[in-house]
Amino acid sequence: MAVVAGPFDMVRNICGMKDSWKLKVRVVLMWKSCSRNDPNKAFAIEMVFVDAEGGRIQANIRKPMMRKFLNVLVEGEVYKMASFAVVKNLGAYRATKHEFKLLFNSKTIVFRAEIQVIPEFGLSLVSSKEILSTKGQSDYLYGVKSGVLYSEIL
């Protein structure tokens, strides 16, 4: 069994120029992306990770890999991970402002880490007035968690 040992990279350093990143991050947000035609059919698992410096990055597990990771990752827990793809963070629904995002694949390895000093919350809090001022024209996601509005527009 492979083990992910440090030193670990910081999210702020992730770019497309390297393919051997090792991270220790907390899953601060996790959700399933579902088809508009069938809301019970998930085609991906999306996550937001935060590292010890507070750096945030979005991660994606596409349908072929969902079974492998679905019962491994839990929102709020800390993990060590390696061997994932790094791609440009494009599209209409981005969960972080990071230029890149992570894609899990068949080579990705994930291990639960002992509790480390990693922020429990990696969300940007905003007022409802600020969200309404975008008139729906932002490329970033908004949400409510525990009754608090958050976004990546800051």
C-alpha atoms as a PDB file:
ATOM      1  CA  MET A   1       0.000   0.000   0.000  1.00  0.00           C
ATOM      2  CA  ALA A   2       1.369   3.394  -0.999  1.00  0.00           C
ATOM      3  CA  VAL A   3       1.728   6.098   1.633  1.00  0.00           C
ATOM      4  CA  VAL A   4       1.648   9.837   1.011  1.00  0.00           C
ATOM      5  CA  ALA A   5       4.518  11.308   3.018  1.00  0.00           C
ATOM      6  CA  GLY A   6       5.554  14.972   3.295  1.00  0.00           C
ATOM      7  CA  PRO A   7       6.756  17.474   2.543  1.00  0.00           C
ATOM      8  CA  PHE A   8       3.456  18.691   1.170  1.00  0.00           C
ATOM      9  CA  ASP A   9       2.830  21.329  -1.462  1.00  0.00           C
ATOM     10  CA  MET A  10       0.782  24.447  -0.769  1.00  0.00           C
ATOM     11  CA  VAL A  11      -2.341  25.101  -2.837  1.00  0.00           C
ATOM     12  CA  ARG A  12      -1.046  28.559  -3.854  1.00  0.00           C
ATOM     13  CA  ASN A  13       1.839  26.844  -5.727  1.00  0.00           C
ATOM     14  CA  ILE A  14      -0.279  24.478  -7.822  1.00  0.00           C
ATOM     15  CA  CYS A  15       0.098  25.080 -11.537  1.00  0.00           C
ATOM     16  CA  GLY A  16       0.027  23.105 -14.760  1.00  0.00           C
ATOM     17  CA  MET A  17       3.824  22.914 -15.025  1.00  0.00           C
ATOM     18  CA  LYS A  18       4.203  19.920 -12.706  1.00  0.00           C
ATOM     19  CA  ASP A  19       2.337  16.643 -12.282  1.00  0.00           C
ATOM     20  CA  SER A  20       3.659  15.262  -9.002  1.00  0.00           C
ATOM     21  CA  TRP A  21       1.848  17.300  -6.352  1.00  0.00           C
ATOM     22  CA  LYS A  22       1.320  16.094  -2.780  1.00  0.00           C
ATOM     23  CA  LEU A  23      -1.289  17.833  -0.640  1.00  0.00           C
ATOM     24  CA  LYS A  24      -2.560  17.789   2.916  1.00  0.00           C
ATOM     25  CA  VAL A  25      -5.961  19.459   2.838  1.00  0.00           C
ATOM     26  CA  ARG A  26      -9.342  19.617   4.530  1.00  0.00           C
ATOM     27  CA  VAL A  27     -12.513  18.997   2.520  1.00  0.00           C
ATOM     28  CA  VAL A  28     -14.494  22.124   3.438  1.00  0.00           C
ATOM     29  CA  LEU A  29     -17.315  21.633   0.955  1.00  0.00           C
ATOM     30  CA  MET A  30     -18.496  18.566  -0.957  1.00  0.00           C
ATOM     31  CA  TRP A  31     -21.489  18.062  -3.251  1.00  0.00           C
ATOM     32  CA  LYS A  32     -22.724  15.948  -6.148  1.00  0.00           C
ATOM     33  CA  SER A  33     -23.274  17.498  -9.562  1.00  0.00           C
ATOM     34  CA  CYS A  34     -26.442  16.066 -11.023  1.00  0.00           C
ATOM     35  CA  SER A  35     -28.094  16.046 -14.403  1.00  0.00           C
ATOM     36  CA  ARG A  36     -30.780  18.706 -14.957  1.00  0.00           C
ATOM     37  CA  ASN A  37     -32.948  16.027 -16.571  1.00  0.00           C
ATOM     38  CA  ASP A  38     -32.541  13.600 -13.664  1.00  0.00           C
ATOM     39  CA  PRO A  39     -31.558  15.187 -10.328  1.00  0.00           C
ATOM     40  CA  ASN A  40     -31.051  11.701  -8.859  1.00  0.00           C
ATOM     41  CA  LYS A  41     -28.263  10.940 -11.365  1.00  0.00           C
ATOM     42  CA  ALA A  42     -24.894  12.304 -10.244  1.00  0.00           C
ATOM     43  CA  PHE A  43     -22.217  12.737 -12.909  1.00  0.00           C
ATOM     44  CA  ALA A  44     -19.488  14.098 -10.616  1.00  0.00           C
ATOM     45  CA  ILE A  45     -18.487  14.848  -7.049  1.00  0.00           C
ATOM     46  CA  GLU A  46     -17.199  18.383  -6.539  1.00  0.00           C
ATOM     47  CA  MET A  47     -15.165  19.541  -3.548  1.00  0.00           C
ATOM     48  CA  VAL A  48     -13.374  22.570  -2.191  1.00  0.00           C
ATOM     49  CA  PHE A  49     -10.112  21.895  -0.348  1.00  0.00           C
ATOM     50  CA  VAL A  50      -8.273  24.242   2.012  1.00  0.00           C
ATOM     51  CA  ASP A  51      -4.643  23.838   3.104  1.00  0.00           C
ATOM     52  CA  ALA A  52      -2.773  24.966   6.241  1.00  0.00           C
ATOM     53  CA  GLU A  53      -2.233  28.447   4.745  1.00  0.00           C
ATOM     54  CA  GLY A  54      -5.925  28.876   3.903  1.00  0.00           C
ATOM     55  CA  GLY A  55      -5.343  28.320   0.172  1.00  0.00           C
ATOM     56  CA  ARG A  56      -8.435  26.949  -1.592  1.00  0.00           C
ATOM     57  CA  ILE A  57      -8.781  24.820  -4.690  1.00  0.00           C
ATOM     58  CA  GLN A  58     -11.647  22.982  -6.345  1.00  0.00           C
ATOM     59  CA  ALA A  59     -11.454  19.242  -7.002  1.00  0.00           C
ATOM     60  CA  ASN A  60     -13.571  17.024  -9.231  1.00  0.00           C
ATOM     61  CA  ILE A  61     -14.259  13.289  -9.256  1.00  0.00           C
ATOM     62  CA  ARG A  62     -15.929  12.319 -12.506  1.00  0.00           C
ATOM     63  CA  LYS A  63     -18.480   9.513 -12.736  1.00  0.00           C
ATOM     64  CA  PRO A  64     -16.046   6.682 -13.642  1.00  0.00           C
ATOM     65  CA  MET A  65     -14.070   7.363 -10.421  1.00  0.00           C
ATOM     66  CA  MET A  66     -17.006   8.131  -8.102  1.00  0.00           C
ATOM     67  CA  ARG A  67     -17.358   4.577  -6.781  1.00  0.00           C
ATOM     68  CA  LYS A  68     -13.668   4.483  -5.812  1.00  0.00           C
ATOM     69  CA  PHE A  69     -13.785   7.699  -3.727  1.00  0.00           C
ATOM     70  CA  LEU A  70     -17.424   8.197  -2.666  1.00  0.00           C
ATOM     71  CA  ASN A  71     -17.086   6.444   0.701  1.00  0.00           C
ATOM     72  CA  VAL A  72     -13.484   7.557   1.295  1.00  0.00           C
ATOM     73  CA  LEU A  73     -13.871  11.337   1.428  1.00  0.00           C
ATOM     74  CA  VAL A  74     -15.942  13.065   4.106  1.00  0.00           C
ATOM     75  CA  GLU A  75     -16.659  16.790   4.303  1.00  0.00           C
ATOM     76  CA  GLY A  76     -14.759  18.356   7.208  1.00  0.00           C
ATOM     77  CA  GLU A  77     -11.984  15.734   7.362  1.00  0.00           C
ATOM     78  CA  VAL A  78      -8.275  16.172   6.557  1.00  0.00           C
ATOM     79  CA  TYR A  79      -6.524  14.049   3.927  1.00  0.00           C
ATOM     80  CA  LYS A  80      -3.113  13.452   2.395  1.00  0.00           C
ATOM     81  CA  MET A  81      -3.315  12.933  -1.351  1.00  0.00           C
ATOM     82  CA  ALA A  82      -1.211  12.597  -4.480  1.00  0.00           C
ATOM     83  CA  SER A  83      -1.319  11.549  -8.151  1.00  0.00           C
ATOM     84  CA  PHE A  84      -4.177  13.670  -9.482  1.00  0.00           C
ATOM     85  CA  ALA A  85      -4.431  15.712 -12.655  1.00  0.00           C
ATOM     86  CA  VAL A  86      -4.164  19.503 -12.590  1.00  0.00           C
ATOM     87  CA  VAL A  87      -6.258  21.348 -15.195  1.00  0.00           C
ATOM     88  CA  LYS A  88      -7.352  24.930 -15.848  1.00  0.00           C
ATOM     89  CA  ASN A  89     -10.325  25.990 -13.734  1.00  0.00           C
ATOM     90  CA  LEU A  90     -12.674  27.062 -16.522  1.00  0.00           C
ATOM     91  CA  GLY A  91     -16.394  26.992 -16.996  1.00  0.00           C
ATOM     92  CA  ALA A  92     -19.516  28.708 -15.792  1.00  0.00           C
ATOM     93  CA  TYR A  93     -19.519  27.302 -12.257  1.00  0.00           C
ATOM     94  CA  ARG A  94     -16.233  27.704 -10.425  1.00  0.00           C
ATOM     95  CA  ALA A  95     -16.107  27.132  -6.682  1.00  0.00           C
ATOM     96  CA  THR A  96     -12.761  28.901  -6.119  1.00  0.00           C
ATOM     97  CA  LYS A  97     -10.743  31.659  -7.746  1.00  0.00           C
ATOM     98  CA  HIS A  98      -7.725  29.371  -8.116  1.00  0.00           C
ATOM     99  CA  GLU A  99      -6.513  29.274 -11.719  1.00  0.00           C
ATOM    100  CA  PHE A 100      -6.420  25.461 -11.620  1.00  0.00           C
ATOM    101  CA  LYS A 101      -8.500  22.608 -10.262  1.00  0.00           C
ATOM    102  CA  LEU A 102      -7.765  18.979  -9.435  1.00  0.00           C
ATOM    103  CA  LEU A 103      -9.172  15.931 -11.215  1.00  0.00           C
ATOM    104  CA  PHE A 104      -9.075  12.586  -9.436  1.00  0.00           C
ATOM    105  CA  ASN A 105      -8.175   9.605 -11.609  1.00  0.00           C
ATOM    106  CA  SER A 106      -7.406   5.891 -11.230  1.00  0.00           C
ATOM    107  CA  LYS A 107      -3.888   6.684  -9.938  1.00  0.00           C
ATOM    108  CA  THR A 108      -5.036   9.177  -7.277  1.00  0.00           C
ATOM    109  CA  ILE A 109      -4.269   8.064  -3.732  1.00  0.00           C
ATOM    110  CA  VAL A 110      -6.004   9.470  -0.660  1.00  0.00           C
ATOM    111  CA  PHE A 111      -5.362   8.764   3.028  1.00  0.00           C
ATOM    112  CA  ARG A 112      -7.105  10.244   6.026  1.00  0.00           C
ATOM    113  CA  ALA A 113      -4.640  12.381   7.973  1.00  0.00           C
ATOM    114  CA  GLU A 114      -4.404  12.864  11.689  1.00  0.00           C
ATOM    115  CA  ILE A 115      -5.858  16.170  12.817  1.00  0.00           C
ATOM    116  CA  GLN A 116      -3.581  18.955  11.656  1.00  0.00           C
ATOM    117  CA  VAL A 117      -3.691  22.718  11.895  1.00  0.00           C
ATOM    118  CA  ILE A 118      -5.822  23.304   8.824  1.00  0.00           C
ATOM    119  CA  PRO A 119      -8.703  25.795   8.855  1.00  0.00           C
ATOM    120  CA  GLU A 120     -12.122  24.221   9.297  1.00  0.00           C
ATOM    121  CA  PHE A 121     -13.765  26.817   7.089  1.00  0.00           C
ATOM    122  CA  GLY A 122     -12.462  27.889   3.719  1.00  0.00           C
ATOM    123  CA  LEU A 123     -15.359  29.975   2.540  1.00  0.00           C
ATOM    124  CA  SER A 124     -15.601  33.673   1.699  1.00  0.00           C
ATOM    125  CA  LEU A 125     -18.523  35.235   3.539  1.00  0.00           C
ATOM    126  CA  VAL A 126     -20.482  37.921   1.713  1.00  0.00           C
ATOM    127  CA  SER A 127     -23.651  39.916   2.231  1.00  0.00           C
ATOM    128  CA  SER A 128     -26.823  39.158   0.320  1.00  0.00           C
ATOM    129  CA  LYS A 129     -26.612  42.747  -1.024  1.00  0.00           C
ATOM    130  CA  GLU A 130     -23.251  41.965  -2.648  1.00  0.00           C
ATOM    131  CA  ILE A 131     -24.597  38.787  -4.237  1.00  0.00           C
ATOM    132  CA  LEU A 132     -27.680  40.586  -5.562  1.00  0.00           C
ATOM    133  CA  SER A 133     -25.478  43.345  -7.019  1.00  0.00           C
ATOM    134  CA  THR A 134     -23.928  40.840  -9.459  1.00  0.00           C
ATOM    135  CA  LYS A 135     -27.376  40.350 -11.056  1.00  0.00           C
ATOM    136  CA  GLY A 136     -26.504  36.703 -11.681  1.00  0.00           C
ATOM    137  CA  GLN A 137     -23.494  37.615 -13.840  1.00  0.00           C
ATOM    138  CA  SER A 138     -20.766  36.118 -11.645  1.00  0.00           C
ATOM    139  CA  ASP A 139     -18.833  33.023 -12.724  1.00  0.00           C
ATOM    140  CA  TYR A 140     -18.488  31.917  -9.113  1.00  0.00           C
ATOM    141  CA  LEU A 141     -20.749  29.796  -6.961  1.00  0.00           C
ATOM    142  CA  TYR A 142     -22.860  31.115  -4.113  1.00  0.00           C
ATOM    143  CA  GLY A 143     -24.427  29.084  -1.361  1.00  0.00           C
ATOM    144  CA  VAL A 144     -25.833  28.967   2.119  1.00  0.00           C
ATOM    145  CA  LYS A 145     -24.221  26.796   4.758  1.00  0.00           C
ATOM    146  CA  SER A 146     -25.659  26.724   8.261  1.00  0.00           C
ATOM    147  CA  GLY A 147     -27.711  29.811   7.382  1.00  0.00           C
ATOM    148  CA  VAL A 148     -24.672  31.862   6.278  1.00  0.00           C
ATOM    149  CA  LEU A 149     -24.169  33.152   2.724  1.00  0.00           C
ATOM    150  CA  TYR A 150     -20.811  32.411   1.138  1.00  0.00           C
ATOM    151  CA  SER A 151     -19.175  32.952  -2.213  1.00  0.00           C
ATOM    152  CA  GLU A 152     -15.891  33.136  -4.048  1.00  0.00           C
ATOM    153  CA  ILE A 153     -16.505  36.616  -5.476  1.00  0.00           C
ATOM    154  CA  LEU A 154     -14.328  38.378  -2.899  1.00  0.00           C
END
